[in-house]
Protein backbone atom coordinates (compact mmCIF):
# COMPACT_ATOMS: atom_id res chain seq x y z
CA UNK A 1 -14.81 2.43 14.75
CA UNK A 2 -13.08 -1.01 14.91
CA UNK A 3 -10.04 -1.00 16.98
CA UNK A 4 -8.69 -4.54 16.60
CA UNK A 5 -6.16 -6.14 18.94
CA UNK A 6 -3.00 -7.63 17.41
CA UNK A 7 -3.33 -11.39 16.66
CA UNK A 8 -0.30 -13.49 17.01
CA UNK A 9 0.24 -13.14 13.07
CA UNK A 10 -1.61 -10.93 10.72
CA UNK A 11 -1.03 -11.77 7.49
CA UNK A 12 -0.38 -8.21 6.33
CA UNK A 13 2.17 -7.69 3.44
CA UNK A 14 4.26 -5.93 2.39
CA UNK A 15 9.67 -3.90 2.54
CA UNK A 16 9.69 -1.44 4.66
CA UNK A 17 9.36 1.87 4.01
CA UNK A 18 10.75 5.17 4.87
CA UNK A 19 9.14 7.98 2.88
CA UNK A 20 10.24 11.41 1.83
CA UNK A 21 8.78 15.01 1.65
CA UNK A 22 8.91 16.12 -2.35
CA UNK A 23 7.81 19.07 -3.77
CA UNK A 24 4.24 19.09 -5.20
CA UNK A 25 4.02 16.79 -8.10
CA UNK A 26 2.70 18.42 -11.38
CA UNK A 27 -0.96 16.64 -12.04
CA UNK A 28 -0.69 15.98 -15.85
CA UNK A 29 -1.68 12.34 -15.98
CA UNK A 30 -4.50 11.64 -18.57
CA UNK A 31 -7.82 10.09 -17.33
CA UNK A 32 -8.29 6.66 -16.74
CA UNK A 33 -9.55 4.44 -20.67
CA UNK A 34 -9.68 1.30 -22.41
CA UNK A 35 -9.46 -2.09 -20.76
CA UNK A 36 -6.40 -3.91 -19.84
CA UNK A 37 -6.30 -7.42 -20.29
CA UNK A 38 -4.39 -8.35 -17.27
CA UNK A 39 -6.32 -6.05 -14.60
CA UNK A 40 -9.86 -6.43 -13.76
CA UNK A 41 -11.88 -4.44 -10.69
CA UNK A 42 -13.76 -6.96 -9.11
CA UNK A 43 -17.44 -6.26 -9.20
CA UNK A 44 -18.05 -6.23 -5.75
CA UNK A 45 -15.21 -3.67 -4.93
CA UNK A 46 -17.16 -0.12 -4.19
CA UNK A 47 -13.83 2.36 -3.04
CA UNK A 48 -10.42 2.44 -4.98
CA UNK A 49 -7.26 4.61 -4.36
CA UNK A 50 -5.91 4.95 -7.58
CA UNK A 51 -1.91 5.83 -7.63
CA UNK A 52 -0.42 7.00 -11.26
CA UNK A 53 3.03 7.74 -11.70
CA UNK A 54 4.76 9.32 -14.60
CA UNK A 55 6.63 6.13 -15.70
CA UNK A 56 8.33 2.81 -14.40
CA UNK A 57 11.42 4.98 -12.45
CA UNK A 58 9.23 7.25 -11.17
CA UNK A 59 9.63 7.39 -7.35
CA UNK A 60 6.22 10.14 -6.95
CA UNK A 61 2.50 10.03 -8.13
CA UNK A 62 -0.75 11.09 -7.74
CA UNK A 63 -3.17 9.08 -5.42
CA UNK A 64 -7.06 9.65 -6.52
CA UNK A 65 -9.91 8.35 -4.67
CA UNK A 66 -12.82 6.59 -6.37
CA UNK A 67 -16.01 5.20 -5.56
CA UNK A 68 -18.61 3.14 -7.20
CA UNK A 69 -22.08 4.75 -7.22
CA UNK A 70 -25.29 3.16 -9.35
CA UNK A 71 -22.46 1.01 -11.04
CA UNK A 72 -20.23 3.99 -11.99
CA UNK A 73 -16.94 5.14 -10.55
CA UNK A 74 -16.82 8.48 -9.57
CA UNK A 75 -13.66 10.97 -8.05
CA UNK A 76 -13.90 11.29 -4.23
CA UNK A 77 -12.31 14.46 -2.97
CA UNK A 78 -8.92 16.07 -4.42
CA UNK A 79 -5.88 14.06 -5.64
CA UNK A 80 -2.91 13.40 -3.29
CA UNK A 81 1.04 14.10 -3.63
CA UNK A 82 2.28 10.92 -2.72
CA UNK A 83 5.63 9.49 -2.91
CA UNK A 84 6.52 5.64 -3.19
CA UNK A 85 9.51 3.64 -4.17
CA UNK A 86 13.07 5.12 -4.71
CA UNK A 87 13.39 2.80 -7.24
CA UNK A 88 10.01 3.06 -9.00
CA UNK A 89 7.75 0.37 -9.44
CA UNK A 90 7.78 -3.20 -10.65
CA UNK A 91 4.87 -5.59 -11.00
CA UNK A 92 4.17 -7.02 -7.48
CA UNK A 93 1.63 -10.20 -6.23
CA UNK A 94 -2.09 -9.00 -6.22
CA UNK A 95 -4.96 -9.79 -7.64
CA UNK A 96 -3.92 -9.07 -11.35
CA UNK A 97 -1.78 -10.87 -13.72
CA UNK A 98 1.55 -9.88 -14.44
CA UNK A 99 2.27 -9.51 -18.17
CA UNK A 100 4.60 -12.29 -19.82
CA UNK A 101 6.79 -9.64 -21.16
CA UNK A 102 7.07 -7.36 -17.82
CA UNK A 103 10.23 -5.79 -17.53
CA UNK A 104 9.99 -4.66 -14.17
CA UNK A 105 9.41 -7.15 -11.58
CA UNK A 106 9.26 -6.43 -7.92
CA UNK A 107 11.59 -7.95 -5.75
CA UNK A 108 12.82 -8.03 -1.96
CA UNK A 109 14.74 -4.95 -1.09
CA UNK A 110 15.38 -3.70 -4.38
CA UNK A 111 13.34 -0.46 -3.32
CA UNK A 112 10.56 -0.67 -6.06
CA UNK A 113 7.02 -0.07 -4.91
CA UNK A 114 4.56 -2.78 -6.26
CA UNK A 115 2.51 -1.84 -9.21
CA UNK A 116 -1.06 -3.74 -10.02
CA UNK A 117 -4.23 -4.39 -8.16
CA UNK A 118 -4.34 -5.23 -4.46
CA UNK A 119 -6.90 -5.12 -1.65
CA UNK A 120 -6.28 -3.49 1.60
CA UNK A 121 -5.76 -5.23 4.66
CA UNK A 122 -6.24 -3.19 7.96
CA UNK A 123 -5.52 0.32 9.02
CA UNK A 124 -2.94 0.56 11.98
CA UNK A 125 -0.86 3.21 14.37
CA UNK A 126 0.59 3.91 17.80
CA UNK A 127 -2.79 4.24 19.82
CA UNK A 128 -6.13 4.01 19.09
CA UNK A 129 -7.70 6.77 16.99
CA UNK A 130 -9.52 10.06 18.08
CA UNK A 131 -11.67 9.82 15.18
CA UNK A 132 -14.39 7.44 13.59
CA UNK A 133 -13.41 4.64 11.37
CA UNK A 134 -15.54 1.57 9.46
CA UNK A 135 -12.45 -0.02 8.39
CA UNK A 136 -10.55 -2.71 10.64
CA UNK A 137 -7.66 -1.00 12.83
CA UNK A 138 -4.65 -2.35 14.79
CA UNK A 139 -2.65 -0.79 17.08
CA UNK A 140 1.13 -1.86 17.18
CA UNK A 141 3.51 -1.83 19.81
CA UNK A 142 7.86 -2.24 19.64
CA UNK A 143 7.83 -5.87 19.61
CA UNK A 144 5.53 -5.78 16.98
CA UNK A 145 7.55 -6.99 13.53
CA UNK A 146 6.90 -7.09 10.07
CA UNK A 147 9.50 -10.35 8.96
CA UNK A 148 11.13 -9.43 5.50
CA UNK A 149 13.47 -12.22 5.85
CA UNK A 150 11.96 -14.75 2.89
CA UNK A 151 13.91 -17.80 4.75
CA UNK A 152 11.40 -17.26 7.81
CA UNK A 153 8.40 -18.88 8.37
CA UNK A 154 6.72 -15.33 9.02
CA UNK A 155 7.95 -14.02 6.33
CA UNK A 156 5.43 -10.93 4.85
CA UNK A 157 3.40 -11.15 8.06
CA UNK A 158 3.19 -8.57 11.20
CA UNK A 159 3.72 -10.81 14.84
CA UNK A 160 4.45 -10.37 17.95
CA UNK A 161 7.96 -11.14 18.71
CA UNK A 162 7.49 -11.81 22.49
CA UNK A 163 4.77 -14.46 21.63
CA UNK A 164 5.93 -16.25 18.46
CA UNK A 165 9.25 -18.42 17.98
CA UNK A 166 11.74 -16.22 16.50
CA UNK A 167 13.70 -17.50 13.17
CA UNK A 168 14.24 -14.56 11.04
CA UNK A 169 17.20 -12.11 10.93
CA UNK A 170 15.44 -8.98 9.16
CA UNK A 171 12.44 -7.61 10.32
CA UNK A 172 10.72 -4.01 10.55
CA UNK A 173 9.44 -2.77 13.74
CA UNK A 174 5.85 -1.48 13.51
CA UNK A 175 5.97 0.90 16.05
CA UNK A 176 8.96 3.24 14.80
CA UNK A 177 10.99 6.27 16.93
CA UNK A 178 9.33 8.60 14.31
CA UNK A 179 5.95 9.15 12.98
CA UNK A 180 5.73 7.27 9.96
CA UNK A 181 4.07 4.50 11.01
CA UNK A 182 1.80 6.80 13.51
CA UNK A 183 -1.20 5.98 10.73
CA UNK A 184 -0.97 3.21 8.08
CA UNK A 185 -2.49 1.00 5.88
CA UNK A 186 -1.27 -2.46 5.11
CA UNK A 187 -1.55 -3.18 1.62
CA UNK A 188 -2.01 -7.00 0.94
CA UNK A 189 1.06 -7.54 -1.56
CA UNK A 190 2.27 -11.19 -1.96
CA UNK A 191 -0.02 -12.83 0.49
CA UNK A 192 1.06 -16.09 -0.51
CA UNK A 193 4.80 -15.19 0.93
CA UNK A 194 6.68 -16.21 -2.10
CA UNK A 195 10.24 -16.01 -1.30
CA UNK A 196 12.08 -12.78 -2.27
CA UNK A 197 8.75 -11.29 -3.99
CA UNK A 198 8.72 -8.43 -1.61
CA UNK A 199 7.22 -8.04 1.94
CA UNK A 200 5.82 -5.48 3.97
CA UNK A 201 4.19 -2.92 2.23
CA UNK A 202 2.23 -0.14 3.68
CA UNK A 203 0.52 3.37 3.19
CA UNK A 204 1.65 5.54 5.73
CA UNK A 205 3.08 8.95 6.32
CA UNK A 206 6.02 10.37 4.50
CA UNK A 207 8.94 12.00 6.20
CA UNK A 208 10.97 14.95 5.05
CA UNK A 209 13.92 13.38 3.58
CA UNK A 210 13.62 13.81 0.32
CA UNK A 211 14.23 10.34 -0.88
CA UNK A 212 11.73 7.62 -2.22
CA UNK A 213 10.41 5.10 0.13
CA UNK A 214 12.20 1.75 0.39
CA UNK A 215 8.66 0.40 -1.41
CA UNK A 216 5.73 1.69 0.23
CA UNK A 217 3.29 4.49 -0.71
CA UNK A 218 3.79 7.54 1.48
CA UNK A 219 1.58 11.11 2.05
CA UNK A 220 1.16 13.88 4.81
CA UNK A 221 -0.53 12.71 8.09
CA UNK A 222 -3.64 14.61 7.52
CA UNK A 223 -4.05 12.82 4.10
CA UNK A 224 -3.71 9.46 5.74
CA UNK A 225 -6.35 10.07 8.14
CA UNK A 226 -8.76 11.40 5.50
CA UNK A 227 -8.33 8.09 3.57
CA UNK A 228 -8.69 6.04 7.21
CA UNK A 229 -11.88 8.11 7.73
CA UNK A 230 -13.21 7.22 4.19
CA UNK A 231 -12.67 3.61 4.30
CA UNK A 232 -15.14 0.92 4.64
CA UNK A 233 -14.53 -2.57 5.13
CA UNK A 234 -17.73 -3.58 3.33
CA UNK A 235 -16.87 -1.79 0.23
CA UNK A 236 -13.96 -4.18 -0.22
CA UNK A 237 -11.54 -1.25 -0.93
CA UNK A 238 -8.67 -1.88 -3.17
CA UNK A 239 -5.33 0.12 -4.08
CA UNK A 240 -4.66 0.32 -8.14
CA UNK A 241 -1.18 1.66 -8.85
CA UNK A 242 0.48 1.97 -11.89
CA UNK A 243 2.50 3.73 -14.18
CA UNK A 244 0.83 6.27 -17.04
CA UNK A 245 1.42 4.00 -19.89
CA UNK A 246 -0.30 1.02 -18.09
CA UNK A 247 -3.11 2.61 -16.14
CA UNK A 248 -4.62 4.48 -19.60
CA UNK A 249 -5.70 0.78 -20.41
CA UNK A 250 -7.78 0.59 -17.42
CA UNK A 251 -11.37 1.34 -17.41
CA UNK A 252 -13.43 1.52 -14.75
CA UNK A 253 -16.90 2.47 -16.08
């Protein structure tokens, strides 16, 4: 297991995310098919988290793990009911090209989860795990902040506020008073720190409020532990997150 000490800044990426506990979602989504012209899965990636929602405004979805074997993508495990942005999805900044005619674009503080293809940064939590991992993992304390103030030089970065010169007014605590960030995964959204394009996007534990998140993707604690144990750094895992109308354009094989 790789347990990483916090760097002065961990370029992790991502609009803080209080999640919710929804009733199980009916899994009526179709299988992925024809190739999208704005999304191409890198050939060196061998693990994929695929999140599909019913439409752009949905705050619920299905996550399915995939693993590439002999150049063929295969499902891994059962799908997971997740919740995401309280205002649905908007095209984010990642490994894809945003369509020129895109109607829904992710912005800072809009309550939307980012749509598109993204690499994953690292796992994180409040303490070292008691399970084996093959994926980078960082432990965070109360003074570790994810900055969502787009005027700051630390925008969309996780930093130790005791070490750096603080120039921001808005941020997310990486160690909360609840267990939502007890375990999580950073999503490399907006890695170039484009102002107002969205920040502090994670995969983390969902809560029981019944509401969508501020932009993250959330699931039960046992489910995120399963994902963390499965991820392998050398497999270059990705997150593909789209509404049904866009997901059907994707051809994995």
